[in-house]
């Protein structure tokens, strides 16, 4: 969970995830949406992949990224449980 929270704490990575909600995209297609270097984009994609927030598929020489919704379901449940437990503790 720590990797997920760290990954989504960065605005660039959140924008990448937002773009991927529209469908699978190659690293090049994602990179066109930002004014950052290739190595910086690679770093952000690596962080998202390490957190299992994105999955990759190789098609020829291109790698396509897609959003991994099951991890988001787990993260959302974690946040709900966390705040529910805090609320119950205050009672």
C-alpha atoms as a PDB file:
ATOM      1  CA  UNK A   1       0.000   0.000   0.000  1.00  0.00           C
ATOM      2  CA  UNK A   2       2.939   2.320   0.717  1.00  0.00           C
ATOM      3  CA  UNK A   3       4.082   2.144  -2.923  1.00  0.00           C
ATOM      4  CA  UNK A   4       0.572   2.902  -4.159  1.00  0.00           C
ATOM      5  CA  UNK A   5       0.192   5.966  -1.951  1.00  0.00           C
ATOM      6  CA  UNK A   6       3.673   7.185  -2.885  1.00  0.00           C
ATOM      7  CA  UNK A   7       2.984   6.670  -6.589  1.00  0.00           C
ATOM      8  CA  UNK A   8      -0.287   8.614  -6.605  1.00  0.00           C
ATOM      9  CA  UNK A   9       1.127  11.436  -4.484  1.00  0.00           C
ATOM     10  CA  UNK A  10       2.871  12.894  -7.551  1.00  0.00           C
ATOM     11  CA  UNK A  11       0.776  15.117  -9.880  1.00  0.00           C
ATOM     12  CA  UNK A  12       2.554  13.879 -13.015  1.00  0.00           C
ATOM     13  CA  UNK A  13       1.781  10.282 -12.159  1.00  0.00           C
ATOM     14  CA  UNK A  14      -1.836  11.173 -11.398  1.00  0.00           C
ATOM     15  CA  UNK A  15      -2.088  12.797 -14.836  1.00  0.00           C
ATOM     16  CA  UNK A  16      -0.599   9.671 -16.451  1.00  0.00           C
ATOM     17  CA  UNK A  17      -3.242   7.560 -14.710  1.00  0.00           C
ATOM     18  CA  UNK A  18      -5.932   9.982 -15.824  1.00  0.00           C
ATOM     19  CA  UNK A  19      -4.759   9.639 -19.442  1.00  0.00           C
ATOM     20  CA  UNK A  20      -4.786   5.862 -19.139  1.00  0.00           C
ATOM     21  CA  UNK A  21      -8.430   5.927 -18.057  1.00  0.00           C
ATOM     22  CA  UNK A  22      -9.139   6.792 -21.695  1.00  0.00           C
ATOM     23  CA  UNK A  23      -7.404   3.620 -22.900  1.00  0.00           C
ATOM     24  CA  UNK A  24      -4.028   1.969 -23.365  1.00  0.00           C
ATOM     25  CA  UNK A  25      -1.195   4.222 -24.486  1.00  0.00           C
ATOM     26  CA  UNK A  26       2.432   3.728 -25.446  1.00  0.00           C
ATOM     27  CA  UNK A  27       5.207   5.462 -23.549  1.00  0.00           C
ATOM     28  CA  UNK A  28       5.644   7.771 -26.534  1.00  0.00           C
ATOM     29  CA  UNK A  29       1.968   8.715 -26.603  1.00  0.00           C
ATOM     30  CA  UNK A  30       2.071   9.466 -22.894  1.00  0.00           C
ATOM     31  CA  UNK A  31       5.307  11.418 -23.231  1.00  0.00           C
ATOM     32  CA  UNK A  32       3.733  13.720 -25.832  1.00  0.00           C
ATOM     33  CA  UNK A  33       1.382  15.013 -23.128  1.00  0.00           C
ATOM     34  CA  UNK A  34       4.181  16.304 -20.902  1.00  0.00           C
ATOM     35  CA  UNK A  35       7.096  18.686 -21.116  1.00  0.00           C
ATOM     36  CA  UNK A  36       9.541  16.372 -19.378  1.00  0.00           C
ATOM     37  CA  UNK A  37      12.507  14.333 -20.571  1.00  0.00           C
ATOM     38  CA  UNK A  38      12.275  10.721 -21.668  1.00  0.00           C
ATOM     39  CA  UNK A  39      14.207   9.507 -18.612  1.00  0.00           C
ATOM     40  CA  UNK A  40      11.830  11.438 -16.320  1.00  0.00           C
ATOM     41  CA  UNK A  41       8.801   9.880 -18.020  1.00  0.00           C
ATOM     42  CA  UNK A  42      10.433   6.465 -17.695  1.00  0.00           C
ATOM     43  CA  UNK A  43      10.967   7.096 -13.985  1.00  0.00           C
ATOM     44  CA  UNK A  44       7.291   7.972 -13.464  1.00  0.00           C
ATOM     45  CA  UNK A  45       6.129   4.925 -15.419  1.00  0.00           C
ATOM     46  CA  UNK A  46       8.495   2.713 -13.416  1.00  0.00           C
ATOM     47  CA  UNK A  47       7.043   4.028 -10.145  1.00  0.00           C
ATOM     48  CA  UNK A  48       3.517   3.313 -11.350  1.00  0.00           C
ATOM     49  CA  UNK A  49       4.512  -0.161 -12.509  1.00  0.00           C
ATOM     50  CA  UNK A  50       6.314  -0.939  -9.224  1.00  0.00           C
ATOM     51  CA  UNK A  51       3.121   0.011  -7.370  1.00  0.00           C
ATOM     52  CA  UNK A  52       1.207  -2.299  -9.742  1.00  0.00           C
ATOM     53  CA  UNK A  53      -0.996   0.617 -10.801  1.00  0.00           C
ATOM     54  CA  UNK A  54      -0.225   0.008 -14.463  1.00  0.00           C
ATOM     55  CA  UNK A  55       0.344  -3.083 -16.537  1.00  0.00           C
ATOM     56  CA  UNK A  56       2.423  -3.333 -19.674  1.00  0.00           C
ATOM     57  CA  UNK A  57       1.970  -5.153 -22.952  1.00  0.00           C
ATOM     58  CA  UNK A  58       4.609  -5.337 -25.642  1.00  0.00           C
ATOM     59  CA  UNK A  59       3.450  -4.898 -29.234  1.00  0.00           C
ATOM     60  CA  UNK A  60       6.408  -5.048 -31.579  1.00  0.00           C
ATOM     61  CA  UNK A  61       8.937  -2.525 -30.343  1.00  0.00           C
ATOM     62  CA  UNK A  62       6.370  -0.514 -28.367  1.00  0.00           C
ATOM     63  CA  UNK A  63       5.298  -1.023 -24.782  1.00  0.00           C
ATOM     64  CA  UNK A  64       1.693  -0.128 -24.051  1.00  0.00           C
ATOM     65  CA  UNK A  65       0.527   0.858 -20.595  1.00  0.00           C
ATOM     66  CA  UNK A  66      -2.900   0.192 -19.157  1.00  0.00           C
ATOM     67  CA  UNK A  67      -4.436   0.983 -15.799  1.00  0.00           C
ATOM     68  CA  UNK A  68      -4.729  -1.845 -13.271  1.00  0.00           C
ATOM     69  CA  UNK A  69      -8.136  -1.229 -11.719  1.00  0.00           C
ATOM     70  CA  UNK A  70      -7.914  -4.034  -9.149  1.00  0.00           C
ATOM     71  CA  UNK A  71      -5.173  -2.168  -7.272  1.00  0.00           C
ATOM     72  CA  UNK A  72      -7.363   0.931  -7.194  1.00  0.00           C
ATOM     73  CA  UNK A  73     -10.186  -1.131  -5.715  1.00  0.00           C
ATOM     74  CA  UNK A  74      -7.836  -2.356  -2.977  1.00  0.00           C
ATOM     75  CA  UNK A  75      -6.524   1.154  -2.294  1.00  0.00           C
ATOM     76  CA  UNK A  76     -10.040   2.607  -2.112  1.00  0.00           C
ATOM     77  CA  UNK A  77     -11.069  -0.104   0.346  1.00  0.00           C
ATOM     78  CA  UNK A  78      -7.979   0.622   2.446  1.00  0.00           C
ATOM     79  CA  UNK A  79      -8.864   4.323   2.657  1.00  0.00           C
ATOM     80  CA  UNK A  80     -12.512   3.578   3.488  1.00  0.00           C
ATOM     81  CA  UNK A  81     -11.514   1.121   6.211  1.00  0.00           C
ATOM     82  CA  UNK A  82      -8.910   3.508   7.592  1.00  0.00           C
ATOM     83  CA  UNK A  83     -11.343   6.373   8.022  1.00  0.00           C
ATOM     84  CA  UNK A  84     -14.142   4.115   9.207  1.00  0.00           C
ATOM     85  CA  UNK A  85     -11.886   2.758  11.957  1.00  0.00           C
ATOM     86  CA  UNK A  86     -10.843   6.275  12.969  1.00  0.00           C
ATOM     87  CA  UNK A  87     -14.489   7.317  13.199  1.00  0.00           C
ATOM     88  CA  UNK A  88     -15.360   4.287  15.341  1.00  0.00           C
ATOM     89  CA  UNK A  89     -12.406   4.994  17.650  1.00  0.00           C
ATOM     90  CA  UNK A  90     -13.770   8.473  18.387  1.00  0.00           C
ATOM     91  CA  UNK A  91     -17.077   7.029  19.647  1.00  0.00           C
END
